[in-house]
Structures are given as structure tokens and as C-alpha cells.
Amino acid sequence: MIETTGLGALLVIGLMFLVTLSTRLGGVFVMSYIPISYRVKQFIQAMSGSVLVAILAPMAVTGDNGARLALLSTAIVMLLVKKPLPAITVGIATAALYRML
């Protein structure tokens, strides 16, 4: 077991850096051999949405009412405005206001 104080913490951070860097560079390396066809482009575009759903779905199920209200308001603003930054801003503000009151 690695000690997580002092030098051990730096070693853990360094190992995490190397793993993250290798997965990022590995993805670029593998994708350099794959031609970007229409199907591959669709897959890449759909992947970001599926990751977002995978992150938000547990929050919708197990989160408090502030989280659910924030998700709902974010979804509504995103559908109306079709821009992520205002939608995210409204979601954060909604959760903050709900929890403040």
C-alpha cells in the first residue's frame, strides 16, 4: 500500500497523471487509424450525449428535490434556447435558490 502523505501523495498524483495522459494519447493514436466516416462521426457526436445522460440519470433518481428541479429547469431552458451555457446557469441558480429557501 502506498502512503498517502508527503511523497506518497505525490506518487499517487503522478501515477494518476500518467494513466490519464496515456488514455488521452491512446485514444488519439487509435483514432488516427480509423477513417472518419459518416457513421463514426455520428457515433462520436452521440457519445457526448450518452456520457451526459449517464452522469445526470443517477442524480435524477437519487438526488434531492433541488437537484431534480435544477435538472428540470436546465432541460426546459435547453429546449427553448438551444444553448448550453444559459441552461446550465439557470440550473445552478435554480438549485441554489431552492436550497437557500
N, C-alpha and C. Protein backbone atom coordinates (compact mmCIF):
# COMPACT_ATOMS: atom_id res chain seq x y z
N MET A 1 0.84 -1.17 0.00
CA MET A 1 0.00 0.00 0.00
C MET A 1 0.88 1.23 0.00
N ILE A 2 0.49 2.24 -0.80
CA ILE A 2 1.27 3.47 -0.89
C ILE A 2 0.81 4.44 0.19
N GLU A 3 1.77 5.02 0.88
CA GLU A 3 1.45 6.00 1.91
C GLU A 3 0.92 7.27 1.23
N THR A 4 -0.18 7.81 1.74
CA THR A 4 -0.81 8.96 1.07
C THR A 4 -0.50 10.27 1.77
N THR A 5 0.68 10.38 2.33
CA THR A 5 1.13 11.65 2.88
C THR A 5 2.49 11.95 2.29
N GLY A 6 2.78 13.22 2.09
CA GLY A 6 4.08 13.62 1.60
C GLY A 6 4.41 13.06 0.23
N LEU A 7 5.49 12.31 0.15
CA LEU A 7 5.97 11.76 -1.11
C LEU A 7 5.00 10.74 -1.69
N GLY A 8 4.29 10.00 -0.84
CA GLY A 8 3.30 9.02 -1.32
C GLY A 8 2.17 9.70 -2.08
N ALA A 9 1.73 10.86 -1.58
CA ALA A 9 0.66 11.59 -2.27
C ALA A 9 1.14 12.07 -3.63
N LEU A 10 2.36 12.55 -3.70
CA LEU A 10 2.90 12.98 -5.00
C LEU A 10 3.03 11.80 -5.96
N LEU A 11 3.39 10.64 -5.45
CA LEU A 11 3.49 9.45 -6.29
C LEU A 11 2.12 9.05 -6.83
N VAL A 12 1.10 9.11 -6.00
CA VAL A 12 -0.27 8.79 -6.44
C VAL A 12 -0.73 9.79 -7.50
N ILE A 13 -0.46 11.07 -7.29
CA ILE A 13 -0.85 12.09 -8.27
C ILE A 13 -0.10 11.87 -9.58
N GLY A 14 1.18 11.54 -9.49
CA GLY A 14 1.96 11.26 -10.70
C GLY A 14 1.44 10.06 -11.47
N LEU A 15 1.08 9.00 -10.75
CA LEU A 15 0.51 7.81 -11.41
C LEU A 15 -0.83 8.13 -12.05
N MET A 16 -1.66 8.91 -11.37
CA MET A 16 -2.95 9.29 -11.96
C MET A 16 -2.72 10.13 -13.21
N PHE A 17 -1.73 11.01 -13.20
CA PHE A 17 -1.40 11.82 -14.36
C PHE A 17 -0.98 10.93 -15.53
N LEU A 18 -0.13 9.96 -15.27
CA LEU A 18 0.33 9.07 -16.34
C LEU A 18 -0.80 8.23 -16.93
N VAL A 19 -1.68 7.74 -16.09
CA VAL A 19 -2.81 6.95 -16.59
C VAL A 19 -3.73 7.82 -17.43
N THR A 20 -4.03 9.03 -16.95
CA THR A 20 -4.89 9.94 -17.70
C THR A 20 -4.26 10.32 -19.03
N LEU A 21 -2.99 10.66 -19.00
CA LEU A 21 -2.28 11.03 -20.22
C LEU A 21 -2.23 9.88 -21.22
N SER A 22 -1.99 8.67 -20.74
CA SER A 22 -1.91 7.53 -21.65
C SER A 22 -3.27 7.20 -22.28
N THR A 23 -4.35 7.37 -21.53
CA THR A 23 -5.66 7.11 -22.13
C THR A 23 -6.00 8.19 -23.15
N ARG A 24 -5.67 9.43 -22.88
CA ARG A 24 -5.92 10.51 -23.84
C ARG A 24 -5.09 10.31 -25.11
N LEU A 25 -3.80 10.10 -24.95
CA LEU A 25 -2.94 9.91 -26.12
C LEU A 25 -3.26 8.60 -26.84
N GLY A 26 -3.65 7.58 -26.09
CA GLY A 26 -4.03 6.31 -26.70
C GLY A 26 -5.26 6.46 -27.58
N GLY A 27 -6.23 7.25 -27.13
CA GLY A 27 -7.42 7.49 -27.94
C GLY A 27 -7.10 8.21 -29.23
N VAL A 28 -6.23 9.21 -29.15
CA VAL A 28 -5.81 9.94 -30.35
C VAL A 28 -5.05 9.00 -31.28
N PHE A 29 -4.18 8.15 -30.73
CA PHE A 29 -3.41 7.21 -31.53
C PHE A 29 -4.31 6.22 -32.25
N VAL A 30 -5.27 5.65 -31.54
CA VAL A 30 -6.18 4.67 -32.15
C VAL A 30 -7.04 5.34 -33.21
N MET A 31 -7.56 6.54 -32.91
CA MET A 31 -8.42 7.22 -33.88
C MET A 31 -7.66 7.68 -35.12
N SER A 32 -6.33 7.77 -35.04
CA SER A 32 -5.56 8.15 -36.23
C SER A 32 -5.59 7.05 -37.29
N TYR A 33 -5.94 5.83 -36.90
CA TYR A 33 -6.03 4.71 -37.84
C TYR A 33 -7.45 4.45 -38.32
N ILE A 34 -8.42 5.17 -37.78
CA ILE A 34 -9.81 4.94 -38.15
C ILE A 34 -10.27 6.08 -39.04
N PRO A 35 -10.72 5.76 -40.26
CA PRO A 35 -11.22 6.84 -41.11
C PRO A 35 -12.53 7.40 -40.56
N ILE A 36 -12.64 8.72 -40.58
CA ILE A 36 -13.83 9.38 -40.03
C ILE A 36 -14.94 9.35 -41.08
N SER A 37 -15.71 8.29 -41.06
CA SER A 37 -16.84 8.16 -41.97
C SER A 37 -18.07 8.81 -41.32
N TYR A 38 -19.17 8.80 -42.03
CA TYR A 38 -20.41 9.38 -41.51
C TYR A 38 -20.85 8.64 -40.24
N ARG A 39 -20.75 7.33 -40.24
CA ARG A 39 -21.16 6.53 -39.07
C ARG A 39 -20.28 6.79 -37.86
N VAL A 40 -18.98 6.91 -38.09
CA VAL A 40 -18.05 7.19 -36.99
C VAL A 40 -18.33 8.59 -36.42
N LYS A 41 -18.59 9.54 -37.31
CA LYS A 41 -18.90 10.90 -36.86
C LYS A 41 -20.19 10.91 -36.03
N GLN A 42 -21.21 10.17 -36.45
CA GLN A 42 -22.44 10.07 -35.68
C GLN A 42 -22.19 9.45 -34.31
N PHE A 43 -21.36 8.40 -34.27
CA PHE A 43 -21.03 7.73 -33.02
C PHE A 43 -20.35 8.69 -32.05
N ILE A 44 -19.38 9.46 -32.55
CA ILE A 44 -18.65 10.40 -31.70
C ILE A 44 -19.59 11.47 -31.17
N GLN A 45 -20.49 11.97 -32.02
CA GLN A 45 -21.42 13.00 -31.57
C GLN A 45 -22.42 12.46 -30.55
N ALA A 46 -22.85 11.22 -30.71
CA ALA A 46 -23.80 10.62 -29.78
C ALA A 46 -23.14 10.26 -28.45
N MET A 47 -21.84 10.02 -28.47
CA MET A 47 -21.13 9.61 -27.27
C MET A 47 -21.18 10.68 -26.19
N SER A 48 -21.05 11.95 -26.56
CA SER A 48 -21.06 13.00 -25.54
C SER A 48 -22.43 13.08 -24.85
N GLY A 49 -23.49 12.91 -25.61
CA GLY A 49 -24.82 12.92 -25.02
C GLY A 49 -25.05 11.75 -24.08
N SER A 50 -24.53 10.59 -24.47
CA SER A 50 -24.73 9.41 -23.62
C SER A 50 -23.93 9.52 -22.33
N VAL A 51 -22.77 10.14 -22.38
CA VAL A 51 -21.98 10.35 -21.16
C VAL A 51 -22.72 11.32 -20.24
N LEU A 52 -23.29 12.37 -20.82
CA LEU A 52 -24.05 13.33 -20.03
C LEU A 52 -25.25 12.67 -19.35
N VAL A 53 -25.96 11.83 -20.08
CA VAL A 53 -27.11 11.13 -19.50
C VAL A 53 -26.65 10.18 -18.39
N ALA A 54 -25.53 9.52 -18.60
CA ALA A 54 -25.02 8.60 -17.58
C ALA A 54 -24.63 9.34 -16.30
N ILE A 55 -24.22 10.57 -16.42
CA ILE A 55 -23.87 11.35 -15.24
C ILE A 55 -25.12 11.89 -14.55
N LEU A 56 -26.10 12.35 -15.34
CA LEU A 56 -27.27 13.02 -14.77
C LEU A 56 -28.37 12.08 -14.32
N ALA A 57 -28.49 10.91 -14.91
CA ALA A 57 -29.58 9.99 -14.56
C ALA A 57 -29.55 9.58 -13.08
N PRO A 58 -28.41 9.21 -12.52
CA PRO A 58 -28.41 8.88 -11.08
C PRO A 58 -28.81 10.07 -10.21
N MET A 59 -28.45 11.29 -10.64
CA MET A 59 -28.82 12.46 -9.86
C MET A 59 -30.34 12.66 -9.88
N ALA A 60 -30.96 12.36 -11.02
CA ALA A 60 -32.41 12.50 -11.12
C ALA A 60 -33.12 11.48 -10.25
N VAL A 61 -32.52 10.32 -10.08
CA VAL A 61 -33.15 9.25 -9.31
C VAL A 61 -32.87 9.40 -7.81
N THR A 62 -31.62 9.64 -7.45
CA THR A 62 -31.25 9.64 -6.03
C THR A 62 -31.04 11.03 -5.45
N GLY A 63 -31.07 12.06 -6.29
CA GLY A 63 -30.82 13.41 -5.81
C GLY A 63 -31.99 13.97 -5.02
N ASP A 64 -31.74 15.10 -4.38
CA ASP A 64 -32.81 15.76 -3.63
C ASP A 64 -33.69 16.57 -4.58
N ASN A 65 -34.70 17.22 -4.04
CA ASN A 65 -35.62 17.99 -4.87
C ASN A 65 -34.93 19.18 -5.54
N GLY A 66 -33.90 19.73 -4.91
CA GLY A 66 -33.15 20.81 -5.53
C GLY A 66 -32.46 20.34 -6.80
N ALA A 67 -31.88 19.15 -6.76
CA ALA A 67 -31.22 18.59 -7.95
C ALA A 67 -32.23 18.29 -9.04
N ARG A 68 -33.37 17.74 -8.66
CA ARG A 68 -34.40 17.43 -9.66
C ARG A 68 -34.95 18.70 -10.30
N LEU A 69 -35.17 19.72 -9.50
CA LEU A 69 -35.67 20.98 -10.03
C LEU A 69 -34.63 21.65 -10.94
N ALA A 70 -33.38 21.54 -10.56
CA ALA A 70 -32.30 22.08 -11.40
C ALA A 70 -32.24 21.34 -12.73
N LEU A 71 -32.36 20.01 -12.71
CA LEU A 71 -32.35 19.24 -13.96
C LEU A 71 -33.54 19.61 -14.84
N LEU A 72 -34.70 19.76 -14.24
CA LEU A 72 -35.89 20.12 -14.99
C LEU A 72 -35.76 21.50 -15.62
N SER A 73 -35.32 22.47 -14.84
CA SER A 73 -35.18 23.83 -15.37
C SER A 73 -34.09 23.90 -16.44
N THR A 74 -33.01 23.16 -16.26
CA THR A 74 -31.96 23.11 -17.28
C THR A 74 -32.49 22.52 -18.58
N ALA A 75 -33.25 21.44 -18.47
CA ALA A 75 -33.81 20.80 -19.67
C ALA A 75 -34.77 21.74 -20.40
N ILE A 76 -35.60 22.43 -19.65
CA ILE A 76 -36.58 23.34 -20.27
C ILE A 76 -35.86 24.48 -20.99
N VAL A 77 -34.88 25.10 -20.32
CA VAL A 77 -34.15 26.20 -20.95
C VAL A 77 -33.36 25.70 -22.16
N MET A 78 -32.79 24.52 -22.07
CA MET A 78 -32.03 23.98 -23.19
C MET A 78 -32.94 23.74 -24.39
N LEU A 79 -34.16 23.24 -24.15
CA LEU A 79 -35.10 23.02 -25.24
C LEU A 79 -35.56 24.34 -25.86
N LEU A 80 -35.71 25.38 -25.05
CA LEU A 80 -36.18 26.66 -25.56
C LEU A 80 -35.07 27.46 -26.26
N VAL A 81 -33.91 27.55 -25.61
CA VAL A 81 -32.84 28.42 -26.10
C VAL A 81 -31.85 27.67 -27.00
N LYS A 82 -31.68 26.37 -26.75
CA LYS A 82 -30.75 25.52 -27.50
C LYS A 82 -29.28 25.95 -27.36
N LYS A 83 -28.97 26.53 -26.20
CA LYS A 83 -27.58 26.89 -25.88
C LYS A 83 -27.27 26.37 -24.49
N PRO A 84 -26.15 25.66 -24.33
CA PRO A 84 -25.89 25.02 -23.04
C PRO A 84 -25.54 25.97 -21.90
N LEU A 85 -24.81 27.05 -22.17
CA LEU A 85 -24.37 27.91 -21.08
C LEU A 85 -25.53 28.58 -20.33
N PRO A 86 -26.51 29.18 -21.04
CA PRO A 86 -27.65 29.72 -20.29
C PRO A 86 -28.43 28.64 -19.54
N ALA A 87 -28.55 27.47 -20.13
CA ALA A 87 -29.28 26.38 -19.48
C ALA A 87 -28.58 25.94 -18.20
N ILE A 88 -27.27 25.81 -18.25
CA ILE A 88 -26.50 25.42 -17.07
C ILE A 88 -26.60 26.50 -16.00
N THR A 89 -26.53 27.76 -16.42
CA THR A 89 -26.63 28.87 -15.47
C THR A 89 -27.98 28.85 -14.75
N VAL A 90 -29.04 28.65 -15.50
CA VAL A 90 -30.37 28.59 -14.90
C VAL A 90 -30.48 27.40 -13.95
N GLY A 91 -29.92 26.26 -14.33
CA GLY A 91 -29.96 25.08 -13.46
C GLY A 91 -29.23 25.30 -12.15
N ILE A 92 -28.06 25.90 -12.21
CA ILE A 92 -27.28 26.17 -10.99
C ILE A 92 -28.02 27.17 -10.11
N ALA A 93 -28.55 28.22 -10.75
CA ALA A 93 -29.28 29.24 -9.98
C ALA A 93 -30.53 28.65 -9.34
N THR A 94 -31.22 27.77 -10.07
CA THR A 94 -32.43 27.14 -9.52
C THR A 94 -32.09 26.29 -8.30
N ALA A 95 -31.04 25.48 -8.41
CA ALA A 95 -30.65 24.65 -7.26
C ALA A 95 -30.24 25.52 -6.07
N ALA A 96 -29.50 26.59 -6.34
CA ALA A 96 -29.06 27.47 -5.26
C ALA A 96 -30.25 28.15 -4.58
N LEU A 97 -31.19 28.66 -5.39
CA LEU A 97 -32.35 29.32 -4.80
C LEU A 97 -33.21 28.35 -4.00
N TYR A 98 -33.40 27.15 -4.54
CA TYR A 98 -34.22 26.14 -3.83
C TYR A 98 -33.58 25.80 -2.49
N ARG A 99 -32.28 25.60 -2.50
CA ARG A 99 -31.60 25.19 -1.26
C ARG A 99 -31.47 26.36 -0.28
N MET A 100 -31.45 27.58 -0.81
CA MET A 100 -31.38 28.74 0.07
C MET A 100 -32.71 28.94 0.79
N LEU A 101 -33.80 28.70 0.08
CA LEU A 101 -35.13 28.88 0.68
C LEU A 101 -35.48 27.63 1.42
